């Protein structure tokens, strides 16, 4: 995995660096935004709704439970870091194909 937005820690967990646009028309992965992955969220950035929507969206996209997705940084920012634990290599490969 040689992307600025996608890494792996010593435990094998995925680390994603994202640029998040809340309040969008629909929730989707847009592509790269500089060196990070851009995600649009339909949820508003109010009372943690956008963060919860991001966690749910990424959990579904990578075939893991919401518990396996942790917001490491950027709770009040558009620039966020997530840790995904337990994603299968097949789910990660499918996710990467979706991005292109």
PDB file of N, CA and C in Angstrom:
ATOM      1  N   UNK A   1       0.841  -1.170   0.000  1.00  0.00           N
ATOM      2  CA  UNK A   1       0.000   0.000   0.000  1.00  0.00           C
ATOM      3  C   UNK A   1       0.888   1.234   0.000  1.00  0.00           C
ATOM      4  N   UNK A   2       1.000   1.889  -1.116  1.00  0.00           N
ATOM      5  CA  UNK A   2       1.875   3.047  -1.230  1.00  0.00           C
ATOM      6  C   UNK A   2       1.070   4.265  -1.643  1.00  0.00           C
ATOM      7  N   UNK A   3       0.249   4.760  -0.744  1.00  0.00           N
ATOM      8  CA  UNK A   3      -0.521   5.976  -0.947  1.00  0.00           C
ATOM      9  C   UNK A   3      -0.365   6.839   0.281  1.00  0.00           C
ATOM     10  N   UNK A   4      -0.403   8.148   0.080  1.00  0.00           N
ATOM     11  CA  UNK A   4      -0.308   9.054   1.222  1.00  0.00           C
ATOM     12  C   UNK A   4      -1.551   8.941   2.101  1.00  0.00           C
ATOM     13  N   UNK A   5      -2.687   8.600   1.523  1.00  0.00           N
ATOM     14  CA  UNK A   5      -3.948   8.545   2.272  1.00  0.00           C
ATOM     15  C   UNK A   5      -4.221   7.191   2.902  1.00  0.00           C
ATOM     16  N   UNK A   6      -3.467   6.177   2.521  1.00  0.00           N
ATOM     17  CA  UNK A   6      -3.704   4.820   3.008  1.00  0.00           C
ATOM     18  C   UNK A   6      -2.423   4.247   3.573  1.00  0.00           C
ATOM     19  N   UNK A   7      -2.492   3.832   4.832  1.00  0.00           N
ATOM     20  CA  UNK A   7      -1.325   3.240   5.475  1.00  0.00           C
ATOM     21  C   UNK A   7      -1.735   2.056   6.327  1.00  0.00           C
ATOM     22  N   UNK A   8      -0.758   1.476   6.972  1.00  0.00           N
ATOM     23  CA  UNK A   8      -1.002   0.318   7.830  1.00  0.00           C
ATOM     24  C   UNK A   8      -0.083   0.437   9.039  1.00  0.00           C
ATOM     25  N   UNK A   9      -0.637   0.201  10.226  1.00  0.00           N
ATOM     26  CA  UNK A   9       0.204   0.270  11.426  1.00  0.00           C
ATOM     27  C   UNK A   9       0.825  -1.098  11.704  1.00  0.00           C
ATOM     28  N   UNK A  10       1.606  -1.188  12.763  1.00  0.00           N
ATOM     29  CA  UNK A  10       2.315  -2.425  13.092  1.00  0.00           C
ATOM     30  C   UNK A  10       1.361  -3.580  13.387  1.00  0.00           C
ATOM     31  N   UNK A  11       0.154  -3.283  13.842  1.00  0.00           N
ATOM     32  CA  UNK A  11      -0.837  -4.324  14.142  1.00  0.00           C
ATOM     33  C   UNK A  11      -1.582  -4.809  12.904  1.00  0.00           C
ATOM     34  N   UNK A  12      -1.333  -4.167  11.771  1.00  0.00           N
ATOM     35  CA  UNK A  12      -2.027  -4.550  10.547  1.00  0.00           C
ATOM     36  C   UNK A  12      -3.310  -3.785  10.292  1.00  0.00           C
ATOM     37  N   UNK A  13      -3.639  -2.832  11.180  1.00  0.00           N
ATOM     38  CA  UNK A  13      -4.825  -2.013  10.976  1.00  0.00           C
ATOM     39  C   UNK A  13      -4.579  -1.013   9.851  1.00  0.00           C
ATOM     40  N   UNK A  14      -5.632  -0.698   9.112  1.00  0.00           N
ATOM     41  CA  UNK A  14      -5.535   0.314   8.069  1.00  0.00           C
ATOM     42  C   UNK A  14      -5.660   1.691   8.706  1.00  0.00           C
ATOM     43  N   UNK A  15      -4.900   2.643   8.195  1.00  0.00           N
ATOM     44  CA  UNK A  15      -4.993   4.038   8.609  1.00  0.00           C
ATOM     45  C   UNK A  15      -5.354   4.827   7.353  1.00  0.00           C
ATOM     46  N   UNK A  16      -6.506   5.518   7.406  1.00  0.00           N
ATOM     47  CA  UNK A  16      -6.976   6.300   6.270  1.00  0.00           C
ATOM     48  C   UNK A  16      -6.919   7.778   6.609  1.00  0.00           C
ATOM     49  N   UNK A  17      -6.397   8.584   5.696  1.00  0.00           N
ATOM     50  CA  UNK A  17      -6.394  10.036   5.827  1.00  0.00           C
ATOM     51  C   UNK A  17      -7.416  10.566   4.836  1.00  0.00           C
ATOM     52  N   UNK A  18      -8.396  11.297   5.347  1.00  0.00           N
ATOM     53  CA  UNK A  18      -9.539  11.704   4.549  1.00  0.00           C
ATOM     54  C   UNK A  18      -9.783  13.201   4.604  1.00  0.00           C
ATOM     55  N   UNK A  19     -10.361  13.716   3.531  1.00  0.00           N
ATOM     56  CA  UNK A  19     -10.930  15.061   3.511  1.00  0.00           C
ATOM     57  C   UNK A  19     -12.432  14.842   3.391  1.00  0.00           C
ATOM     58  N   UNK A  20     -13.186  15.308   4.367  1.00  0.00           N
ATOM     59  CA  UNK A  20     -14.613  15.028   4.437  1.00  0.00           C
ATOM     60  C   UNK A  20     -15.402  16.296   4.168  1.00  0.00           C
ATOM     61  N   UNK A  21     -16.394  16.172   3.288  1.00  0.00           N
ATOM     62  CA  UNK A  21     -17.292  17.283   2.979  1.00  0.00           C
ATOM     63  C   UNK A  21     -18.689  16.929   3.479  1.00  0.00           C
ATOM     64  N   UNK A  22     -19.062  17.424   4.657  1.00  0.00           N
ATOM     65  CA  UNK A  22     -20.402  17.136   5.183  1.00  0.00           C
ATOM     66  C   UNK A  22     -21.457  17.989   4.488  1.00  0.00           C
ATOM     67  N   UNK A  23     -22.709  17.597   4.620  1.00  0.00           N
ATOM     68  CA  UNK A  23     -23.816  18.349   4.044  1.00  0.00           C
ATOM     69  C   UNK A  23     -23.928  18.227   2.539  1.00  0.00           C
ATOM     70  N   UNK A  24     -23.355  17.172   1.970  1.00  0.00           N
ATOM     71  CA  UNK A  24     -23.415  16.962   0.521  1.00  0.00           C
ATOM     72  C   UNK A  24     -24.763  16.362   0.138  1.00  0.00           C
ATOM     73  N   UNK A  25     -25.027  16.311  -1.144  1.00  0.00           N
ATOM     74  CA  UNK A  25     -26.279  15.747  -1.638  1.00  0.00           C
ATOM     75  C   UNK A  25     -26.389  14.259  -1.331  1.00  0.00           C
ATOM     76  N   UNK A  26     -25.258  13.539  -1.484  1.00  0.00           N
ATOM     77  CA  UNK A  26     -25.258  12.112  -1.162  1.00  0.00           C
ATOM     78  C   UNK A  26     -23.906  11.714  -0.597  1.00  0.00           C
ATOM     79  N   UNK A  27     -23.895  10.573   0.068  1.00  0.00           N
ATOM     80  CA  UNK A  27     -22.667  10.051   0.654  1.00  0.00           C
ATOM     81  C   UNK A  27     -21.937   9.225  -0.386  1.00  0.00           C
ATOM     82  N   UNK A  28     -20.681   9.589  -0.634  1.00  0.00           N
ATOM     83  CA  UNK A  28     -19.903   8.888  -1.666  1.00  0.00           C
ATOM     84  C   UNK A  28     -18.421   9.201  -1.518  1.00  0.00           C
ATOM     85  N   UNK A  29     -17.622   8.317  -2.092  1.00  0.00           N
ATOM     86  CA  UNK A  29     -16.190   8.558  -2.205  1.00  0.00           C
ATOM     87  C   UNK A  29     -15.979   9.271  -3.527  1.00  0.00           C
ATOM     88  N   UNK A  30     -15.294  10.399  -3.483  1.00  0.00           N
ATOM     89  CA  UNK A  30     -15.116  11.226  -4.674  1.00  0.00           C
ATOM     90  C   UNK A  30     -13.827  10.881  -5.409  1.00  0.00           C
ATOM     91  N   UNK A  31     -12.767  10.649  -4.669  1.00  0.00           N
ATOM     92  CA  UNK A  31     -11.453  10.414  -5.262  1.00  0.00           C
ATOM     93  C   UNK A  31     -10.416  11.152  -4.429  1.00  0.00           C
ATOM     94  N   UNK A  32      -9.303  11.447  -5.033  1.00  0.00           N
ATOM     95  CA  UNK A  32      -8.239  12.117  -4.290  1.00  0.00           C
ATOM     96  C   UNK A  32      -8.470  13.619  -4.221  1.00  0.00           C
ATOM     97  N   UNK A  33      -8.105  14.186  -3.105  1.00  0.00           N
ATOM     98  CA  UNK A  33      -8.135  15.629  -2.854  1.00  0.00           C
ATOM     99  C   UNK A  33      -6.738  15.964  -2.359  1.00  0.00           C
ATOM    100  N   UNK A  34      -5.876  16.328  -3.271  1.00  0.00           N
ATOM    101  CA  UNK A  34      -4.460  16.460  -2.926  1.00  0.00           C
ATOM    102  C   UNK A  34      -3.911  15.071  -2.691  1.00  0.00           C
ATOM    103  N   UNK A  35      -3.411  14.823  -1.486  1.00  0.00           N
ATOM    104  CA  UNK A  35      -2.855  13.507  -1.171  1.00  0.00           C
ATOM    105  C   UNK A  35      -3.741  12.696  -0.236  1.00  0.00           C
ATOM    106  N   UNK A  36      -4.968  13.151  -0.007  1.00  0.00           N
ATOM    107  CA  UNK A  36      -5.895  12.421   0.856  1.00  0.00           C
ATOM    108  C   UNK A  36      -7.136  12.033   0.050  1.00  0.00           C
ATOM    109  N   UNK A  37      -7.891  11.097   0.581  1.00  0.00           N
ATOM    110  CA  UNK A  37      -9.100  10.625  -0.078  1.00  0.00           C
ATOM    111  C   UNK A  37     -10.269  11.511   0.329  1.00  0.00           C
ATOM    112  N   UNK A  38     -11.044  11.970  -0.646  1.00  0.00           N
ATOM    113  CA  UNK A  38     -12.181  12.841  -0.363  1.00  0.00           C
ATOM    114  C   UNK A  38     -13.460  12.020  -0.286  1.00  0.00           C
ATOM    115  N   UNK A  39     -14.221  12.277   0.772  1.00  0.00           N
ATOM    116  CA  UNK A  39     -15.505  11.616   0.990  1.00  0.00           C
ATOM    117  C   UNK A  39     -16.557  12.687   1.205  1.00  0.00           C
ATOM    118  N   UNK A  40     -17.643  12.594   0.464  1.00  0.00           N
ATOM    119  CA  UNK A  40     -18.787  13.477   0.679  1.00  0.00           C
ATOM    120  C   UNK A  40     -19.786  12.753   1.569  1.00  0.00           C
ATOM    121  N   UNK A  41     -20.350  13.488   2.527  1.00  0.00           N
ATOM    122  CA  UNK A  41     -21.330  12.914   3.445  1.00  0.00           C
ATOM    123  C   UNK A  41     -22.631  13.698   3.369  1.00  0.00           C
ATOM    124  N   UNK A  42     -23.742  13.000   3.317  1.00  0.00           N
ATOM    125  CA  UNK A  42     -25.049  13.648   3.306  1.00  0.00           C
ATOM    126  C   UNK A  42     -25.381  14.212   4.687  1.00  0.00           C
ATOM    127  N   UNK A  43     -24.777  13.691   5.720  1.00  0.00           N
ATOM    128  CA  UNK A  43     -25.056  14.135   7.086  1.00  0.00           C
ATOM    129  C   UNK A  43     -24.497  15.538   7.330  1.00  0.00           C
ATOM    130  N   UNK A  44     -25.218  16.283   8.146  1.00  0.00           N
ATOM    131  CA  UNK A  44     -24.775  17.628   8.519  1.00  0.00           C
ATOM    132  C   UNK A  44     -23.709  17.547   9.613  1.00  0.00           C
ATOM    133  N   UNK A  45     -22.826  18.541   9.658  1.00  0.00           N
ATOM    134  CA  UNK A  45     -21.782  18.546  10.691  1.00  0.00           C
ATOM    135  C   UNK A  45     -22.292  19.094  12.016  1.00  0.00           C
ATOM    136  N   UNK A  46     -23.329  18.482  12.540  1.00  0.00           N
ATOM    137  CA  UNK A  46     -23.965  18.947  13.770  1.00  0.00           C
ATOM    138  C   UNK A  46     -24.035  17.789  14.764  1.00  0.00           C
ATOM    139  N   UNK A  47     -23.628  18.037  15.981  1.00  0.00           N
ATOM    140  CA  UNK A  47     -23.724  17.053  17.068  1.00  0.00           C
ATOM    141  C   UNK A  47     -23.080  15.711  16.732  1.00  0.00           C
ATOM    142  N   UNK A  48     -21.994  15.720  15.979  1.00  0.00           N
ATOM    143  CA  UNK A  48     -21.289  14.485  15.667  1.00  0.00           C
ATOM    144  C   UNK A  48     -21.958  13.605  14.619  1.00  0.00           C
ATOM    145  N   UNK A  49     -23.013  14.108  13.964  1.00  0.00           N
ATOM    146  CA  UNK A  49     -23.729  13.291  12.980  1.00  0.00           C
ATOM    147  C   UNK A  49     -22.855  12.945  11.773  1.00  0.00           C
ATOM    148  N   UNK A  50     -22.044  13.885  11.328  1.00  0.00           N
ATOM    149  CA  UNK A  50     -21.182  13.615  10.178  1.00  0.00           C
ATOM    150  C   UNK A  50     -20.120  12.568  10.525  1.00  0.00           C
ATOM    151  N   UNK A  51     -19.547  12.645  11.711  1.00  0.00           N
ATOM    152  CA  UNK A  51     -18.551  11.650  12.125  1.00  0.00           C
ATOM    153  C   UNK A  51     -19.183  10.263  12.225  1.00  0.00           C
ATOM    154  N   UNK A  52     -20.382  10.188  12.790  1.00  0.00           N
ATOM    155  CA  UNK A  52     -21.080   8.895  12.900  1.00  0.00           C
ATOM    156  C   UNK A  52     -21.406   8.345  11.515  1.00  0.00           C
ATOM    157  N   UNK A  53     -21.825   9.223  10.605  1.00  0.00           N
ATOM    158  CA  UNK A  53     -22.133   8.791   9.241  1.00  0.00           C
ATOM    159  C   UNK A  53     -20.875   8.310   8.519  1.00  0.00           C
ATOM    160  N   UNK A  54     -19.759   8.991   8.747  1.00  0.00           N
ATOM    161  CA  UNK A  54     -18.489   8.585   8.142  1.00  0.00           C
ATOM    162  C   UNK A  54     -18.081   7.202   8.629  1.00  0.00           C
ATOM    163  N   UNK A  55     -18.178   6.977   9.923  1.00  0.00           N
ATOM    164  CA  UNK A  55     -17.807   5.677  10.491  1.00  0.00           C
ATOM    165  C   UNK A  55     -18.702   4.578   9.926  1.00  0.00           C
ATOM    166  N   UNK A  56     -19.996   4.817   9.859  1.00  0.00           N
ATOM    167  CA  UNK A  56     -20.922   3.821   9.316  1.00  0.00           C
ATOM    168  C   UNK A  56     -20.643   3.551   7.841  1.00  0.00           C
ATOM    169  N   UNK A  57     -20.384   4.603   7.079  1.00  0.00           N
ATOM    170  CA  UNK A  57     -20.111   4.461   5.645  1.00  0.00           C
ATOM    171  C   UNK A  57     -18.831   3.674   5.394  1.00  0.00           C
ATOM    172  N   UNK A  58     -17.764   4.015   6.120  1.00  0.00           N
ATOM    173  CA  UNK A  58     -16.493   3.325   5.916  1.00  0.00           C
ATOM    174  C   UNK A  58     -16.563   1.887   6.414  1.00  0.00           C
ATOM    175  N   UNK A  59     -17.302   1.638   7.486  1.00  0.00           N
ATOM    176  CA  UNK A  59     -17.470   0.265   7.970  1.00  0.00           C
ATOM    177  C   UNK A  59     -18.148  -0.584   6.903  1.00  0.00           C
ATOM    178  N   UNK A  60     -19.210  -0.058   6.314  1.00  0.00           N
ATOM    179  CA  UNK A  60     -19.907  -0.804   5.264  1.00  0.00           C
ATOM    180  C   UNK A  60     -19.024  -1.003   4.037  1.00  0.00           C
ATOM    181  N   UNK A  61     -18.297   0.038   3.648  1.00  0.00           N
ATOM    182  CA  UNK A  61     -17.438  -0.040   2.460  1.00  0.00           C
ATOM    183  C   UNK A  61     -16.325  -1.071   2.622  1.00  0.00           C
ATOM    184  N   UNK A  62     -15.860  -1.261   3.850  1.00  0.00           N
ATOM    185  CA  UNK A  62     -14.746  -2.184   4.083  1.00  0.00           C
ATOM    186  C   UNK A  62     -15.175  -3.498   4.733  1.00  0.00           C
ATOM    187  N   UNK A  63     -16.475  -3.701   4.873  1.00  0.00           N
ATOM    188  CA  UNK A  63     -16.982  -4.975   5.377  1.00  0.00           C
ATOM    189  C   UNK A  63     -16.634  -5.266   6.818  1.00  0.00           C
ATOM    190  N   UNK A  64     -16.618  -4.229   7.639  1.00  0.00           N
ATOM    191  CA  UNK A  64     -16.344  -4.405   9.064  1.00  0.00           C
ATOM    192  C   UNK A  64     -17.498  -3.792   9.861  1.00  0.00           C
ATOM    193  N   UNK A  65     -17.495  -4.009  11.169  1.00  0.00           N
ATOM    194  CA  UNK A  65     -18.512  -3.398  12.014  1.00  0.00           C
ATOM    195  C   UNK A  65     -18.094  -1.964  12.345  1.00  0.00           C
ATOM    196  N   UNK A  66     -19.039  -1.169  12.796  1.00  0.00           N
ATOM    197  CA  UNK A  66     -18.735   0.216  13.179  1.00  0.00           C
ATOM    198  C   UNK A  66     -17.744   0.265  14.342  1.00  0.00           C
ATOM    199  N   UNK A  67     -17.769  -0.757  15.181  1.00  0.00           N
ATOM    200  CA  UNK A  67     -16.811  -0.825  16.289  1.00  0.00           C
ATOM    201  C   UNK A  67     -15.371  -0.940  15.826  1.00  0.00           C
ATOM    202  N   UNK A  68     -15.178  -1.464  14.630  1.00  0.00           N
ATOM    203  CA  UNK A  68     -13.829  -1.663  14.100  1.00  0.00           C
ATOM    204  C   UNK A  68     -13.293  -0.419  13.392  1.00  0.00           C
ATOM    205  N   UNK A  69     -14.078   0.643  13.357  1.00  0.00           N
ATOM    206  CA  UNK A  69     -13.656   1.907  12.751  1.00  0.00           C
ATOM    207  C   UNK A  69     -13.521   2.936  13.869  1.00  0.00           C
ATOM    208  N   UNK A  70     -12.341   3.511  13.984  1.00  0.00           N
ATOM    209  CA  UNK A  70     -12.080   4.482  15.050  1.00  0.00           C
ATOM    210  C   UNK A  70     -11.580   5.788  14.451  1.00  0.00           C
ATOM    211  N   UNK A  71     -12.166   6.883  14.896  1.00  0.00           N
ATOM    212  CA  UNK A  71     -11.724   8.207  14.496  1.00  0.00           C
ATOM    213  C   UNK A  71     -10.504   8.568  15.340  1.00  0.00           C
ATOM    214  N   UNK A  72      -9.343   8.626  14.705  1.00  0.00           N
ATOM    215  CA  UNK A  72      -8.094   8.913  15.425  1.00  0.00           C
ATOM    216  C   UNK A  72      -7.856  10.408  15.590  1.00  0.00           C
ATOM    217  N   UNK A  73      -8.308  11.180  14.616  1.00  0.00           N
ATOM    218  CA  UNK A  73      -8.067  12.615  14.679  1.00  0.00           C
ATOM    219  C   UNK A  73      -8.969  13.369  13.735  1.00  0.00           C
ATOM    220  N   UNK A  74      -9.245  14.625  14.074  1.00  0.00           N
ATOM    221  CA  UNK A  74     -10.031  15.475  13.203  1.00  0.00           C
ATOM    222  C   UNK A  74     -11.512  15.475  13.490  1.00  0.00           C
ATOM    223  N   UNK A  75     -11.909  15.232  14.721  1.00  0.00           N
ATOM    224  CA  UNK A  75     -13.330  15.165  15.057  1.00  0.00           C
ATOM    225  C   UNK A  75     -14.071  16.437  14.671  1.00  0.00           C
ATOM    226  N   UNK A  76     -13.422  17.600  14.786  1.00  0.00           N
ATOM    227  CA  UNK A  76     -14.075  18.867  14.461  1.00  0.00           C
ATOM    228  C   UNK A  76     -13.492  19.497  13.198  1.00  0.00           C
ATOM    229  N   UNK A  77     -12.831  18.694  12.382  1.00  0.00           N
ATOM    230  CA  UNK A  77     -12.151  19.187  11.186  1.00  0.00           C
ATOM    231  C   UNK A  77     -12.612  18.415   9.959  1.00  0.00           C
ATOM    232  N   UNK A  78     -12.368  18.972   8.797  1.00  0.00           N
ATOM    233  CA  UNK A  78     -12.644  18.232   7.555  1.00  0.00           C
ATOM    234  C   UNK A  78     -11.549  17.197   7.286  1.00  0.00           C
ATOM    235  N   UNK A  79     -10.373  17.421   7.821  1.00  0.00           N
ATOM    236  CA  UNK A  79      -9.258  16.482   7.666  1.00  0.00           C
ATOM    237  C   UNK A  79      -9.332  15.476   8.803  1.00  0.00           C
ATOM    238  N   UNK A  80      -9.527  14.214   8.459  1.00  0.00           N
ATOM    239  CA  UNK A  80      -9.733  13.183   9.473  1.00  0.00           C
ATOM    240  C   UNK A  80      -8.803  11.998   9.241  1.00  0.00           C
ATOM    241  N   UNK A  81      -8.504  11.288  10.332  1.00  0.00           N
ATOM    242  CA  UNK A  81      -7.745  10.045  10.269  1.00  0.00           C
ATOM    243  C   UNK A  81      -8.579   8.961  10.919  1.00  0.00           C
ATOM    244  N   UNK A  82      -8.707   7.838  10.212  1.00  0.00           N
ATOM    245  CA  UNK A  82      -9.463   6.694  10.720  1.00  0.00           C
ATOM    246  C   UNK A  82      -8.554   5.491  10.833  1.00  0.00           C
ATOM    247  N   UNK A  83      -8.835   4.656  11.822  1.00  0.00           N
ATOM    248  CA  UNK A  83      -8.179   3.348  11.923  1.00  0.00           C
ATOM    249  C   UNK A  83      -9.252   2.295  11.709  1.00  0.00           C
ATOM    250  N   UNK A  84      -8.988   1.375  10.789  1.00  0.00           N
ATOM    251  CA  UNK A  84      -9.905   0.278  10.485  1.00  0.00           C
ATOM    252  C   UNK A  84      -9.208  -1.013  10.888  1.00  0.00           C
ATOM    253  N   UNK A  85      -9.803  -1.749  11.816  1.00  0.00           N
ATOM    254  CA  UNK A  85      -9.197  -3.016  12.227  1.00  0.00           C
ATOM    255  C   UNK A  85     -10.026  -4.182  11.698  1.00  0.00           C
ATOM    256  N   UNK A  86      -9.345  -5.233  11.318  1.00  0.00           N
ATOM    257  CA  UNK A  86     -10.013  -6.465  10.926  1.00  0.00           C
ATOM    258  C   UNK A  86     -10.574  -6.528   9.521  1.00  0.00           C
ATOM    259  N   UNK A  87     -10.235  -5.592   8.661  1.00  0.00           N
ATOM    260  CA  UNK A  87     -10.729  -5.643   7.281  1.00  0.00           C
ATOM    261  C   UNK A  87      -9.988  -6.742   6.524  1.00  0.00           C
ATOM    262  N   UNK A  88     -10.726  -7.554   5.791  1.00  0.00           N
ATOM    263  CA  UNK A  88     -10.099  -8.628   5.012  1.00  0.00           C
ATOM    264  C   UNK A  88      -9.373  -8.053   3.804  1.00  0.00           C
ATOM    265  N   UNK A  89      -8.396  -8.772   3.330  1.00  0.00           N
ATOM    266  CA  UNK A  89      -7.666  -8.304   2.150  1.00  0.00           C
ATOM    267  C   UNK A  89      -8.585  -8.209   0.938  1.00  0.00           C
ATOM    268  N   UNK A  90      -9.591  -9.082   0.865  1.00  0.00           N
ATOM    269  CA  UNK A  90     -10.549  -9.037  -0.246  1.00  0.00           C
ATOM    270  C   UNK A  90     -11.389  -7.764  -0.172  1.00  0.00           C
ATOM    271  N   UNK A  91     -11.826  -7.384   1.027  1.00  0.00           N
ATOM    272  CA  UNK A  91     -12.631  -6.166   1.193  1.00  0.00           C
ATOM    273  C   UNK A  91     -11.809  -4.928   0.867  1.00  0.00           C
ATOM    274  N   UNK A  92     -10.545  -4.926   1.282  1.00  0.00           N
ATOM    275  CA  UNK A  92      -9.670  -3.792   0.984  1.00  0.00           C
ATOM    276  C   UNK A  92      -9.438  -3.697  -0.518  1.00  0.00           C
ATOM    277  N   UNK A  93      -9.204  -4.826  -1.174  1.00  0.00           N
ATOM    278  CA  UNK A  93      -8.994  -4.825  -2.622  1.00  0.00           C
ATOM    279  C   UNK A  93     -10.237  -4.312  -3.351  1.00  0.00           C
ATOM    280  N   UNK A  94     -11.424  -4.719  -2.925  1.00  0.00           N
ATOM    281  CA  UNK A  94     -12.664  -4.257  -3.533  1.00  0.00           C
ATOM    282  C   UNK A  94     -12.825  -2.754  -3.313  1.00  0.00           C
ATOM    283  N   UNK A  95     -12.490  -2.282  -2.133  1.00  0.00           N
ATOM    284  CA  UNK A  95     -12.562  -0.854  -1.815  1.00  0.00           C
ATOM    285  C   UNK A  95     -11.629  -0.060  -2.714  1.00  0.00           C
ATOM    286  N   UNK A  96     -10.410  -0.531  -2.884  1.00  0.00           N
ATOM    287  CA  UNK A  96      -9.445   0.151  -3.728  1.00  0.00           C
ATOM    288  C   UNK A  96      -9.881   0.167  -5.190  1.00  0.00           C
ATOM    289  N   UNK A  97     -10.528  -0.896  -5.649  1.00  0.00           N
ATOM    290  CA  UNK A  97     -11.041  -0.925  -7.030  1.00  0.00           C
ATOM    291  C   UNK A  97     -12.146   0.122  -7.214  1.00  0.00           C
ATOM    292  N   UNK A  98     -12.976   0.291  -6.194  1.00  0.00           N
ATOM    293  CA  UNK A  98     -14.045   1.307  -6.271  1.00  0.00           C
ATOM    294  C   UNK A  98     -13.484   2.701  -6.434  1.00  0.00           C
ATOM    295  N   UNK A  99     -12.356   2.952  -5.802  1.00  0.00           N
ATOM    296  CA  UNK A  99     -11.743   4.281  -5.854  1.00  0.00           C
ATOM    297  C   UNK A  99     -11.096   4.517  -7.207  1.00  0.00           C
ATOM    298  N   UNK A 100     -10.522   3.468  -7.748  1.00  0.00           N
ATOM    299  CA  UNK A 100      -9.921   3.587  -9.070  1.00  0.00           C
ATOM    300  C   UNK A 100      -8.499   3.817  -9.068  1.00  0.00           C
TER     301      UNK A 100
END
